[in-house]
Amino acid sequence: MTENYDMTYLREVSDNDNDYMLTLIRYFVDNVPLVSENLREYYENRNFKELSFSAHKFSSQLAMFGLKKASSKVSRIEQKADSCEDDQELYELISEIEQVCSQIVSRLKKDFRID
């Protein structure tokens, strides 16, 4: 799954304040790999309560960056974790999110010159 970010919402909430937008982007770039890693860890440990909670919070972060497909997939992870559905679809959803997050973080770092 390939998806491009969209800064429309960030521009609105930041009132086009570039410094504030960059702060939010840096937070996202720093936080996303950790959240993605946590999703995998919670899944592997069958900690569905934490998986659901983490997915719930993560979905809104993705939506802020216009990542609608990824946000939808994370919402699906939350639903499956809520019902403790440990199946191939859940594994695949988490794998897809890991891949998308890695791509998005790389693109944001490049586009906004973040080390």
PDB file of N, CA and C in Angstrom:
ATOM      1  N   MET A   1       0.854  -1.181   0.000  1.00  0.00           N
ATOM      2  CA  MET A   1       0.000   0.000   0.000  1.00  0.00           C
ATOM      3  C   MET A   1       0.895   1.238   0.000  1.00  0.00           C
ATOM      4  N   THR A   2       0.692   2.088  -0.971  1.00  0.00           N
ATOM      5  CA  THR A   2       1.428   3.342  -1.046  1.00  0.00           C
ATOM      6  C   THR A   2       0.441   4.475  -0.808  1.00  0.00           C
ATOM      7  N   GLU A   3       0.875   5.449  -0.036  1.00  0.00           N
ATOM      8  CA  GLU A   3       0.006   6.584   0.266  1.00  0.00           C
ATOM      9  C   GLU A   3       0.875   7.817   0.475  1.00  0.00           C
ATOM     10  N   ASN A   4       0.391   8.923  -0.001  1.00  0.00           N
ATOM     11  CA  ASN A   4       1.099  10.192   0.176  1.00  0.00           C
ATOM     12  C   ASN A   4       0.437  10.992   1.287  1.00  0.00           C
ATOM     13  N   TYR A   5       1.253  11.724   1.998  1.00  0.00           N
ATOM     14  CA  TYR A   5       0.699  12.579   3.047  1.00  0.00           C
ATOM     15  C   TYR A   5       0.073  13.823   2.420  1.00  0.00           C
ATOM     16  N   ASP A   6      -0.791  14.465   3.198  1.00  0.00           N
ATOM     17  CA  ASP A   6      -1.493  15.671   2.762  1.00  0.00           C
ATOM     18  C   ASP A   6      -1.465  16.652   3.928  1.00  0.00           C
ATOM     19  N   MET A   7      -0.889  17.811   3.713  1.00  0.00           N
ATOM     20  CA  MET A   7      -0.697  18.789   4.783  1.00  0.00           C
ATOM     21  C   MET A   7      -1.886  19.740   4.973  1.00  0.00           C
ATOM     22  N   THR A   8      -2.969  19.515   4.297  1.00  0.00           N
ATOM     23  CA  THR A   8      -4.121  20.423   4.369  1.00  0.00           C
ATOM     24  C   THR A   8      -4.585  20.638   5.806  1.00  0.00           C
ATOM     25  N   TYR A   9      -4.804  19.555   6.528  1.00  0.00           N
ATOM     26  CA  TYR A   9      -5.296  19.678   7.898  1.00  0.00           C
ATOM     27  C   TYR A   9      -4.264  20.352   8.796  1.00  0.00           C
ATOM     28  N   LEU A  10      -3.000  19.996   8.640  1.00  0.00           N
ATOM     29  CA  LEU A  10      -1.952  20.619   9.459  1.00  0.00           C
ATOM     30  C   LEU A  10      -1.870  22.119   9.205  1.00  0.00           C
ATOM     31  N   ARG A  11      -2.033  22.509   7.962  1.00  0.00           N
ATOM     32  CA  ARG A  11      -2.019  23.948   7.654  1.00  0.00           C
ATOM     33  C   ARG A  11      -3.175  24.656   8.352  1.00  0.00           C
ATOM     34  N   GLU A  12      -4.331  24.011   8.356  1.00  0.00           N
ATOM     35  CA  GLU A  12      -5.507  24.600   9.003  1.00  0.00           C
ATOM     36  C   GLU A  12      -5.297  24.750  10.505  1.00  0.00           C
ATOM     37  N   VAL A  13      -4.878  23.677  11.172  1.00  0.00           N
ATOM     38  CA  VAL A  13      -4.750  23.742  12.629  1.00  0.00           C
ATOM     39  C   VAL A  13      -3.580  24.601  13.070  1.00  0.00           C
ATOM     40  N   SER A  14      -2.600  24.780  12.208  1.00  0.00           N
ATOM     41  CA  SER A  14      -1.442  25.608  12.566  1.00  0.00           C
ATOM     42  C   SER A  14      -1.608  27.043  12.089  1.00  0.00           C
ATOM     43  N   ASP A  15      -2.715  27.319  11.407  1.00  0.00           N
ATOM     44  CA  ASP A  15      -2.948  28.644  10.833  1.00  0.00           C
ATOM     45  C   ASP A  15      -1.756  29.062   9.952  1.00  0.00           C
ATOM     46  N   ASN A  16      -1.266  28.068   9.195  1.00  0.00           N
ATOM     47  CA  ASN A  16      -0.127  28.255   8.279  1.00  0.00           C
ATOM     48  C   ASN A  16       1.149  28.719   8.973  1.00  0.00           C
ATOM     49  N   ASP A  17       1.279  28.429  10.252  1.00  0.00           N
ATOM     50  CA  ASP A  17       2.498  28.744  10.989  1.00  0.00           C
ATOM     51  C   ASP A  17       3.521  27.648  10.696  1.00  0.00           C
ATOM     52  N   ASN A  18       4.496  27.955   9.860  1.00  0.00           N
ATOM     53  CA  ASN A  18       5.469  26.957   9.420  1.00  0.00           C
ATOM     54  C   ASN A  18       6.278  26.360  10.562  1.00  0.00           C
ATOM     55  N   ASP A  19       6.621  27.167  11.556  1.00  0.00           N
ATOM     56  CA  ASP A  19       7.382  26.649  12.695  1.00  0.00           C
ATOM     57  C   ASP A  19       6.569  25.624  13.478  1.00  0.00           C
ATOM     58  N   TYR A  20       5.302  25.941  13.694  1.00  0.00           N
ATOM     59  CA  TYR A  20       4.431  25.006  14.408  1.00  0.00           C
ATOM     60  C   TYR A  20       4.220  23.728  13.594  1.00  0.00           C
ATOM     61  N   MET A  21       4.019  23.892  12.281  1.00  0.00           N
ATOM     62  CA  MET A  21       3.867  22.721  11.416  1.00  0.00           C
ATOM     63  C   MET A  21       5.107  21.839  11.486  1.00  0.00           C
ATOM     64  N   LEU A  22       6.274  22.452  11.451  1.00  0.00           N
ATOM     65  CA  LEU A  22       7.513  21.681  11.508  1.00  0.00           C
ATOM     66  C   LEU A  22       7.648  20.952  12.848  1.00  0.00           C
ATOM     67  N   THR A  23       7.191  21.582  13.919  1.00  0.00           N
ATOM     68  CA  THR A  23       7.193  20.926  15.229  1.00  0.00           C
ATOM     69  C   THR A  23       6.310  19.686  15.204  1.00  0.00           C
ATOM     70  N   LEU A  24       5.126  19.799  14.613  1.00  0.00           N
ATOM     71  CA  LEU A  24       4.209  18.655  14.513  1.00  0.00           C
ATOM     72  C   LEU A  24       4.784  17.561  13.618  1.00  0.00           C
ATOM     73  N   ILE A  25       5.425  17.965  12.544  1.00  0.00           N
ATOM     74  CA  ILE A  25       6.033  16.998  11.630  1.00  0.00           C
ATOM     75  C   ILE A  25       7.172  16.260  12.327  1.00  0.00           C
ATOM     76  N   ARG A  26       7.995  16.982  13.047  1.00  0.00           N
ATOM     77  CA  ARG A  26       9.100  16.343  13.775  1.00  0.00           C
ATOM     78  C   ARG A  26       8.572  15.366  14.824  1.00  0.00           C
ATOM     79  N   TYR A  27       7.535  15.767  15.528  1.00  0.00           N
ATOM     80  CA  TYR A  27       6.936  14.870  16.515  1.00  0.00           C
ATOM     81  C   TYR A  27       6.455  13.586  15.827  1.00  0.00           C
ATOM     82  N   PHE A  28       5.780  13.755  14.715  1.00  0.00           N
ATOM     83  CA  PHE A  28       5.262  12.618  13.965  1.00  0.00           C
ATOM     84  C   PHE A  28       6.406  11.704  13.525  1.00  0.00           C
ATOM     85  N   VAL A  29       7.437  12.293  12.947  1.00  0.00           N
ATOM     86  CA  VAL A  29       8.600  11.538  12.458  1.00  0.00           C
ATOM     87  C   VAL A  29       9.283  10.783  13.603  1.00  0.00           C
ATOM     88  N   ASP A  30       9.371  11.402  14.768  1.00  0.00           N
ATOM     89  CA  ASP A  30       9.997  10.758  15.918  1.00  0.00           C
ATOM     90  C   ASP A  30       9.101   9.685  16.541  1.00  0.00           C
ATOM     91  N   ASN A  31       7.810   9.934  16.550  1.00  0.00           N
ATOM     92  CA  ASN A  31       6.857   9.079  17.256  1.00  0.00           C
ATOM     93  C   ASN A  31       6.398   7.862  16.448  1.00  0.00           C
ATOM     94  N   VAL A  32       6.209   8.031  15.157  1.00  0.00           N
ATOM     95  CA  VAL A  32       5.626   6.972  14.332  1.00  0.00           C
ATOM     96  C   VAL A  32       6.413   5.653  14.380  1.00  0.00           C
ATOM     97  N   PRO A  33       7.730   5.678  14.267  1.00  0.00           N
ATOM     98  CA  PRO A  33       8.439   4.397  14.344  1.00  0.00           C
ATOM     99  C   PRO A  33       8.228   3.680  15.687  1.00  0.00           C
ATOM    100  N   LEU A  34       8.134   4.442  16.757  1.00  0.00           N
ATOM    101  CA  LEU A  34       7.900   3.840  18.077  1.00  0.00           C
ATOM    102  C   LEU A  34       6.511   3.218  18.164  1.00  0.00           C
ATOM    103  N   VAL A  35       5.528   3.931  17.662  1.00  0.00           N
ATOM    104  CA  VAL A  35       4.158   3.412  17.707  1.00  0.00           C
ATOM    105  C   VAL A  35       4.044   2.167  16.837  1.00  0.00           C
ATOM    106  N   SER A  36       4.619   2.223  15.661  1.00  0.00           N
ATOM    107  CA  SER A  36       4.607   1.077  14.754  1.00  0.00           C
ATOM    108  C   SER A  36       5.256  -0.140  15.412  1.00  0.00           C
ATOM    109  N   GLU A  37       6.368   0.080  16.065  1.00  0.00           N
ATOM    110  CA  GLU A  37       7.070  -0.981  16.781  1.00  0.00           C
ATOM    111  C   GLU A  37       6.213  -1.532  17.920  1.00  0.00           C
ATOM    112  N   ASN A  38       5.537  -0.634  18.628  1.00  0.00           N
ATOM    113  CA  ASN A  38       4.660  -1.065  19.724  1.00  0.00           C
ATOM    114  C   ASN A  38       3.497  -1.911  19.223  1.00  0.00           C
ATOM    115  N   LEU A  39       2.921  -1.542  18.085  1.00  0.00           N
ATOM    116  CA  LEU A  39       1.822  -2.327  17.529  1.00  0.00           C
ATOM    117  C   LEU A  39       2.281  -3.766  17.297  1.00  0.00           C
ATOM    118  N   ARG A  40       3.461  -3.909  16.706  1.00  0.00           N
ATOM    119  CA  ARG A  40       4.005  -5.251  16.439  1.00  0.00           C
ATOM    120  C   ARG A  40       4.240  -6.006  17.755  1.00  0.00           C
ATOM    121  N   GLU A  41       4.838  -5.326  18.722  1.00  0.00           N
ATOM    122  CA  GLU A  41       5.134  -5.967  20.007  1.00  0.00           C
ATOM    123  C   GLU A  41       3.853  -6.407  20.717  1.00  0.00           C
ATOM    124  N   TYR A  42       2.853  -5.528  20.752  1.00  0.00           N
ATOM    125  CA  TYR A  42       1.592  -5.885  21.399  1.00  0.00           C
ATOM    126  C   TYR A  42       0.945  -7.081  20.706  1.00  0.00           C
ATOM    127  N   TYR A  43       1.016  -7.095  19.381  1.00  0.00           N
ATOM    128  CA  TYR A  43       0.452  -8.216  18.637  1.00  0.00           C
ATOM    129  C   TYR A  43       1.198  -9.509  18.981  1.00  0.00           C
ATOM    130  N   GLU A  44       2.523  -9.471  18.936  1.00  0.00           N
ATOM    131  CA  GLU A  44       3.318 -10.674  19.200  1.00  0.00           C
ATOM    132  C   GLU A  44       3.115 -11.204  20.617  1.00  0.00           C
ATOM    133  N   ASN A  45       2.854 -10.299  21.548  1.00  0.00           N
ATOM    134  CA  ASN A  45       2.606 -10.697  22.942  1.00  0.00           C
ATOM    135  C   ASN A  45       1.132 -10.971  23.218  1.00  0.00           C
ATOM    136  N   ARG A  46       0.318 -10.857  22.192  1.00  0.00           N
ATOM    137  CA  ARG A  46      -1.139 -11.066  22.296  1.00  0.00           C
ATOM    138  C   ARG A  46      -1.754 -10.159  23.361  1.00  0.00           C
ATOM    139  N   ASN A  47      -1.218  -8.929  23.449  1.00  0.00           N
ATOM    140  CA  ASN A  47      -1.742  -7.940  24.378  1.00  0.00           C
ATOM    141  C   ASN A  47      -2.754  -7.085  23.608  1.00  0.00           C
ATOM    142  N   PHE A  48      -3.936  -7.645  23.422  1.00  0.00           N
ATOM    143  CA  PHE A  48      -4.941  -7.009  22.581  1.00  0.00           C
ATOM    144  C   PHE A  48      -5.480  -5.708  23.169  1.00  0.00           C
ATOM    145  N   LYS A  49      -5.498  -5.607  24.483  1.00  0.00           N
ATOM    146  CA  LYS A  49      -5.963  -4.371  25.121  1.00  0.00           C
ATOM    147  C   LYS A  49      -5.049  -3.204  24.750  1.00  0.00           C
ATOM    148  N   GLU A  50      -3.742  -3.382  24.898  1.00  0.00           N
ATOM    149  CA  GLU A  50      -2.789  -2.323  24.545  1.00  0.00           C
ATOM    150  C   GLU A  50      -2.742  -2.092  23.034  1.00  0.00           C
ATOM    151  N   LEU A  51      -2.885  -3.154  22.256  1.00  0.00           N
ATOM    152  CA  LEU A  51      -2.914  -3.020  20.801  1.00  0.00           C
ATOM    153  C   LEU A  51      -4.082  -2.142  20.380  1.00  0.00           C
ATOM    154  N   SER A  52      -5.229  -2.390  20.939  1.00  0.00           N
ATOM    155  CA  SER A  52      -6.415  -1.596  20.621  1.00  0.00           C
ATOM    156  C   SER A  52      -6.236  -0.139  21.042  1.00  0.00           C
ATOM    157  N   PHE A  53      -5.747   0.068  22.252  1.00  0.00           N
ATOM    158  CA  PHE A  53      -5.555   1.420  22.779  1.00  0.00           C
ATOM    159  C   PHE A  53      -4.556   2.200  21.922  1.00  0.00           C
ATOM    160  N   SER A  54      -3.445   1.570  21.606  1.00  0.00           N
ATOM    161  CA  SER A  54      -2.401   2.217  20.805  1.00  0.00           C
ATOM    162  C   SER A  54      -2.909   2.518  19.394  1.00  0.00           C
ATOM    163  N   ALA A  55      -3.626   1.586  18.805  1.00  0.00           N
ATOM    164  CA  ALA A  55      -4.180   1.786  17.464  1.00  0.00           C
ATOM    165  C   ALA A  55      -5.184   2.938  17.465  1.00  0.00           C
ATOM    166  N   HIS A  56      -5.993   3.016  18.496  1.00  0.00           N
ATOM    167  CA  HIS A  56      -6.983   4.089  18.594  1.00  0.00           C
ATOM    168  C   HIS A  56      -6.306   5.461  18.557  1.00  0.00           C
ATOM    169  N   LYS A  57      -5.267   5.626  19.349  1.00  0.00           N
ATOM    170  CA  LYS A  57      -4.557   6.914  19.384  1.00  0.00           C
ATOM    171  C   LYS A  57      -3.830   7.176  18.064  1.00  0.00           C
ATOM    172  N   PHE A  58      -3.265   6.140  17.494  1.00  0.00           N
ATOM    173  CA  PHE A  58      -2.463   6.279  16.284  1.00  0.00           C
ATOM    174  C   PHE A  58      -3.300   6.674  15.074  1.00  0.00           C
ATOM    175  N   SER A  59      -4.509   6.199  15.010  1.00  0.00           N
ATOM    176  CA  SER A  59      -5.384   6.488  13.876  1.00  0.00           C
ATOM    177  C   SER A  59      -5.569   7.989  13.667  1.00  0.00           C
ATOM    178  N   SER A  60      -5.747   8.724  14.743  1.00  0.00           N
ATOM    179  CA  SER A  60      -5.944  10.176  14.619  1.00  0.00           C
ATOM    180  C   SER A  60      -4.658  10.877  14.192  1.00  0.00           C
ATOM    181  N   GLN A  61      -3.515  10.366  14.629  1.00  0.00           N
ATOM    182  CA  GLN A  61      -2.245  10.953  14.193  1.00  0.00           C
ATOM    183  C   GLN A  61      -2.074  10.801  12.683  1.00  0.00           C
ATOM    184  N   LEU A  62      -2.410   9.641  12.182  1.00  0.00           N
ATOM    185  CA  LEU A  62      -2.305   9.406  10.737  1.00  0.00           C
ATOM    186  C   LEU A  62      -3.280  10.297   9.977  1.00  0.00           C
ATOM    187  N   ALA A  63      -4.474  10.441  10.505  1.00  0.00           N
ATOM    188  CA  ALA A  63      -5.485  11.274   9.854  1.00  0.00           C
ATOM    189  C   ALA A  63      -5.044  12.736   9.774  1.00  0.00           C
ATOM    190  N   MET A  64      -4.320  13.206  10.779  1.00  0.00           N
ATOM    191  CA  MET A  64      -3.820  14.590  10.755  1.00  0.00           C
ATOM    192  C   MET A  64      -2.935  14.856   9.542  1.00  0.00           C
ATOM    193  N   PHE A  65      -2.269  13.821   9.074  1.00  0.00           N
ATOM    194  CA  PHE A  65      -1.379  13.950   7.927  1.00  0.00           C
ATOM    195  C   PHE A  65      -2.051  13.505   6.630  1.00  0.00           C
ATOM    196  N   GLY A  66      -3.367  13.377   6.672  1.00  0.00           N
ATOM    197  CA  GLY A  66      -4.127  13.037   5.478  1.00  0.00           C
ATOM    198  C   GLY A  66      -3.924  11.614   5.005  1.00  0.00           C
ATOM    199  N   LEU A  67      -3.480  10.755   5.891  1.00  0.00           N
ATOM    200  CA  LEU A  67      -3.212   9.358   5.547  1.00  0.00           C
ATOM    201  C   LEU A  67      -4.472   8.529   5.804  1.00  0.00           C
ATOM    202  N   LYS A  68      -5.460   8.736   4.946  1.00  0.00           N
ATOM    203  CA  LYS A  68      -6.777   8.143   5.161  1.00  0.00           C
ATOM    204  C   LYS A  68      -6.775   6.620   5.077  1.00  0.00           C
ATOM    205  N   LYS A  69      -6.061   6.067   4.108  1.00  0.00           N
ATOM    206  CA  LYS A  69      -6.015   4.608   3.974  1.00  0.00           C
ATOM    207  C   LYS A  69      -5.339   3.982   5.190  1.00  0.00           C
ATOM    208  N   ALA A  70      -4.219   4.557   5.589  1.00  0.00           N
ATOM    209  CA  ALA A  70      -3.498   4.031   6.753  1.00  0.00           C
ATOM    210  C   ALA A  70      -4.340   4.173   8.014  1.00  0.00           C
ATOM    211  N   SER A  71      -4.993   5.315   8.174  1.00  0.00           N
ATOM    212  CA  SER A  71      -5.846   5.536   9.336  1.00  0.00           C
ATOM    213  C   SER A  71      -6.974   4.508   9.380  1.00  0.00           C
ATOM    214  N   SER A  72      -7.542   4.215   8.226  1.00  0.00           N
ATOM    215  CA  SER A  72      -8.608   3.221   8.140  1.00  0.00           C
ATOM    216  C   SER A  72      -8.100   1.833   8.518  1.00  0.00           C
ATOM    217  N   LYS A  73      -6.912   1.491   8.068  1.00  0.00           N
ATOM    218  CA  LYS A  73      -6.328   0.186   8.409  1.00  0.00           C
ATOM    219  C   LYS A  73      -6.020   0.099   9.907  1.00  0.00           C
ATOM    220  N   VAL A  74      -5.555   1.179  10.486  1.00  0.00           N
ATOM    221  CA  VAL A  74      -5.275   1.179  11.925  1.00  0.00           C
ATOM    222  C   VAL A  74      -6.583   1.078  12.710  1.00  0.00           C
ATOM    223  N   SER A  75      -7.636   1.689  12.217  1.00  0.00           N
ATOM    224  CA  SER A  75      -8.951   1.535  12.862  1.00  0.00           C
ATOM    225  C   SER A  75      -9.407   0.082  12.802  1.00  0.00           C
ATOM    226  N   ARG A  76      -9.095  -0.586  11.697  1.00  0.00           N
ATOM    227  CA  ARG A  76      -9.430  -2.011  11.565  1.00  0.00           C
ATOM    228  C   ARG A  76      -8.616  -2.838  12.562  1.00  0.00           C
ATOM    229  N   ILE A  77      -7.354  -2.482  12.748  1.00  0.00           N
ATOM    230  CA  ILE A  77      -6.525  -3.154  13.762  1.00  0.00           C
ATOM    231  C   ILE A  77      -7.174  -2.993  15.137  1.00  0.00           C
ATOM    232  N   GLU A  78      -7.616  -1.779  15.429  1.00  0.00           N
ATOM    233  CA  GLU A  78      -8.274  -1.520  16.710  1.00  0.00           C
ATOM    234  C   GLU A  78      -9.507  -2.409  16.885  1.00  0.00           C
ATOM    235  N   GLN A  79     -10.332  -2.488  15.852  1.00  0.00           N
ATOM    236  CA  GLN A  79     -11.551  -3.308  15.918  1.00  0.00           C
ATOM    237  C   GLN A  79     -11.215  -4.782  16.170  1.00  0.00           C
ATOM    238  N   LYS A  80     -10.244  -5.285  15.432  1.00  0.00           N
ATOM    239  CA  LYS A  80      -9.882  -6.692  15.586  1.00  0.00           C
ATOM    240  C   LYS A  80      -9.269  -6.950  16.958  1.00  0.00           C
ATOM    241  N   ALA A  81      -8.472  -6.014  17.443  1.00  0.00           N
ATOM    242  CA  ALA A  81      -7.876  -6.174  18.771  1.00  0.00           C
ATOM    243  C   ALA A  81      -8.957  -6.121  19.855  1.00  0.00           C
ATOM    244  N   ASP A  82      -9.941  -5.243  19.668  1.00  0.00           N
ATOM    245  CA  ASP A  82     -11.046  -5.153  20.638  1.00  0.00           C
ATOM    246  C   ASP A  82     -11.765  -6.485  20.785  1.00  0.00           C
ATOM    247  N   SER A  83     -11.894  -7.206  19.676  1.00  0.00           N
ATOM    248  CA  SER A  83     -12.598  -8.489  19.730  1.00  0.00           C
ATOM    249  C   SER A  83     -11.622  -9.667  19.827  1.00  0.00           C
ATOM    250  N   CYS A  84     -10.350  -9.355  20.084  1.00  0.00           N
ATOM    251  CA  CYS A  84      -9.301 -10.380  20.266  1.00  0.00           C
ATOM    252  C   CYS A  84      -9.223 -11.340  19.083  1.00  0.00           C
ATOM    253  N   GLU A  85      -9.386 -10.808  17.889  1.00  0.00           N
ATOM    254  CA  GLU A  85      -9.290 -11.630  16.677  1.00  0.00           C
ATOM    255  C   GLU A  85      -7.831 -11.761  16.267  1.00  0.00           C
ATOM    256  N   ASP A  86      -7.263 -12.870  16.591  1.00  0.00           N
ATOM    257  CA  ASP A  86      -5.864 -13.147  16.267  1.00  0.00           C
ATOM    258  C   ASP A  86      -5.847 -13.980  14.988  1.00  0.00           C
ATOM    259  N   ASP A  87      -5.772 -13.302  13.852  1.00  0.00           N
ATOM    260  CA  ASP A  87      -5.809 -14.023  12.589  1.00  0.00           C
ATOM    261  C   ASP A  87      -4.818 -13.431  11.589  1.00  0.00           C
ATOM    262  N   GLN A  88      -4.787 -14.001  10.420  1.00  0.00           N
ATOM    263  CA  GLN A  88      -3.849 -13.574   9.385  1.00  0.00           C
ATOM    264  C   GLN A  88      -4.101 -12.130   8.965  1.00  0.00           C
ATOM    265  N   GLU A  89      -5.352 -11.711   8.923  1.00  0.00           N
ATOM    266  CA  GLU A  89      -5.658 -10.335   8.518  1.00  0.00           C
ATOM    267  C   GLU A  89      -5.021  -9.333   9.477  1.00  0.00           C
ATOM    268  N   LEU A  90      -5.098  -9.587  10.758  1.00  0.00           N
ATOM    269  CA  LEU A  90      -4.511  -8.679  11.745  1.00  0.00           C
ATOM    270  C   LEU A  90      -2.998  -8.599  11.545  1.00  0.00           C
ATOM    271  N   TYR A  91      -2.370  -9.741  11.351  1.00  0.00           N
ATOM    272  CA  TYR A  91      -0.926  -9.777  11.090  1.00  0.00           C
ATOM    273  C   TYR A  91      -0.586  -8.955   9.843  1.00  0.00           C
ATOM    274  N   GLU A  92      -1.359  -9.134   8.777  1.00  0.00           N
ATOM    275  CA  GLU A  92      -1.106  -8.424   7.523  1.00  0.00           C
ATOM    276  C   GLU A  92      -1.345  -6.922   7.654  1.00  0.00           C
ATOM    277  N   LEU A  93      -2.372  -6.538   8.391  1.00  0.00           N
ATOM    278  CA  LEU A  93      -2.643  -5.116   8.615  1.00  0.00           C
ATOM    279  C   LEU A  93      -1.470  -4.446   9.325  1.00  0.00           C
ATOM    280  N   ILE A  94      -0.966  -5.086  10.337  1.00  0.00           N
ATOM    281  CA  ILE A  94       0.163  -4.524  11.083  1.00  0.00           C
ATOM    282  C   ILE A  94       1.387  -4.433  10.179  1.00  0.00           C
ATOM    283  N   SER A  95       1.622  -5.446   9.377  1.00  0.00           N
ATOM    284  CA  SER A  95       2.756  -5.420   8.444  1.00  0.00           C
ATOM    285  C   SER A  95       2.621  -4.284   7.442  1.00  0.00           C
ATOM    286  N   GLU A  96       1.426  -4.089   6.919  1.00  0.00           N
ATOM    287  CA  GLU A  96       1.185  -2.994   5.969  1.00  0.00           C
ATOM    288  C   GLU A  96       1.436  -1.639   6.623  1.00  0.00           C
ATOM    289  N   ILE A  97       0.961  -1.478   7.844  1.00  0.00           N
ATOM    290  CA  ILE A  97       1.140  -0.209   8.551  1.00  0.00           C
ATOM    291  C   ILE A  97       2.623   0.045   8.810  1.00  0.00           C
ATOM    292  N   GLU A  98       3.357  -0.978   9.171  1.00  0.00           N
ATOM    293  CA  GLU A  98       4.798  -0.814   9.371  1.00  0.00           C
ATOM    294  C   GLU A  98       5.469  -0.309   8.093  1.00  0.00           C
ATOM    295  N   GLN A  99       5.093  -0.888   6.978  1.00  0.00           N
ATOM    296  CA  GLN A  99       5.680  -0.499   5.697  1.00  0.00           C
ATOM    297  C   GLN A  99       5.307   0.929   5.319  1.00  0.00           C
ATOM    298  N   VAL A 100       4.040   1.264   5.436  1.00  0.00           N
ATOM    299  CA  VAL A 100       3.572   2.607   5.086  1.00  0.00           C
ATOM    300  C   VAL A 100       4.225   3.649   5.985  1.00  0.00           C
ATOM    301  N   CYS A 101       4.290   3.366   7.263  1.00  0.00           N
ATOM    302  CA  CYS A 101       4.876   4.315   8.211  1.00  0.00           C
ATOM    303  C   CYS A 101       6.345   4.561   7.889  1.00  0.00           C
ATOM    304  N   SER A 102       7.048   3.528   7.559  1.00  0.00           N
ATOM    305  CA  SER A 102       8.453   3.675   7.192  1.00  0.00           C
ATOM    306  C   SER A 102       8.599   4.563   5.959  1.00  0.00           C
ATOM    307  N   GLN A 103       7.771   4.339   4.965  1.00  0.00           N
ATOM    308  CA  GLN A 103       7.806   5.147   3.737  1.00  0.00           C
ATOM    309  C   GLN A 103       7.463   6.607   4.014  1.00  0.00           C
ATOM    310  N   ILE A 104       6.420   6.834   4.790  1.00  0.00           N
ATOM    311  CA  ILE A 104       5.974   8.200   5.084  1.00  0.00           C
ATOM    312  C   ILE A 104       7.034   8.946   5.880  1.00  0.00           C
ATOM    313  N   VAL A 105       7.597   8.304   6.888  1.00  0.00           N
ATOM    314  CA  VAL A 105       8.636   8.944   7.698  1.00  0.00           C
ATOM    315  C   VAL A 105       9.829   9.308   6.815  1.00  0.00           C
ATOM    316  N   SER A 106      10.228   8.412   5.953  1.00  0.00           N
ATOM    317  CA  SER A 106      11.354   8.698   5.036  1.00  0.00           C
ATOM    318  C   SER A 106      11.045   9.886   4.138  1.00  0.00           C
ATOM    319  N   ARG A 107       9.835   9.917   3.604  1.00  0.00           N
ATOM    320  CA  ARG A 107       9.450  11.029   2.732  1.00  0.00           C
ATOM    321  C   ARG A 107       9.406  12.353   3.476  1.00  0.00           C
ATOM    322  N   LEU A 108       8.840  12.344   4.671  1.00  0.00           N
ATOM    323  CA  LEU A 108       8.766  13.572   5.465  1.00  0.00           C
ATOM    324  C   LEU A 108      10.164  14.076   5.817  1.00  0.00           C
ATOM    325  N   LYS A 109      11.038  13.153   6.204  1.00  0.00           N
ATOM    326  CA  LYS A 109      12.416  13.548   6.520  1.00  0.00           C
ATOM    327  C   LYS A 109      13.090  14.195   5.306  1.00  0.00           C
ATOM    328  N   LYS A 110      12.894  13.607   4.164  1.00  0.00           N
ATOM    329  CA  LYS A 110      13.497  14.138   2.942  1.00  0.00           C
ATOM    330  C   LYS A 110      12.869  15.486   2.569  1.00  0.00           C
ATOM    331  N   ASP A 111      11.548  15.535   2.545  1.00  0.00           N
ATOM    332  CA  ASP A 111      10.845  16.735   2.085  1.00  0.00           C
ATOM    333  C   ASP A 111      11.028  17.926   3.016  1.00  0.00           C
ATOM    334  N   PHE A 112      11.200  17.661   4.308  1.00  0.00           N
ATOM    335  CA  PHE A 112      11.328  18.743   5.268  1.00  0.00           C
ATOM    336  C   PHE A 112      12.731  18.837   5.866  1.00  0.00           C
ATOM    337  N   ARG A 113      13.655  18.119   5.243  1.00  0.00           N
ATOM    338  CA  ARG A 113      15.071  18.128   5.646  1.00  0.00           C
ATOM    339  C   ARG A 113      15.260  17.910   7.149  1.00  0.00           C
ATOM    340  N   ILE A 114      14.696  16.798   7.596  1.00  0.00           N
ATOM    341  CA  ILE A 114      14.789  16.431   9.002  1.00  0.00           C
ATOM    342  C   ILE A 114      15.785  15.279   9.109  1.00  0.00           C
ATOM    343  N   ASP A 115      16.736  15.403  10.020  1.00  0.00           N
ATOM    344  CA  ASP A 115      17.726  14.331  10.223  1.00  0.00           C
ATOM    345  C   ASP A 115      17.233  13.302  11.186  1.00  0.00           C
TER     346      ASP A 115
END
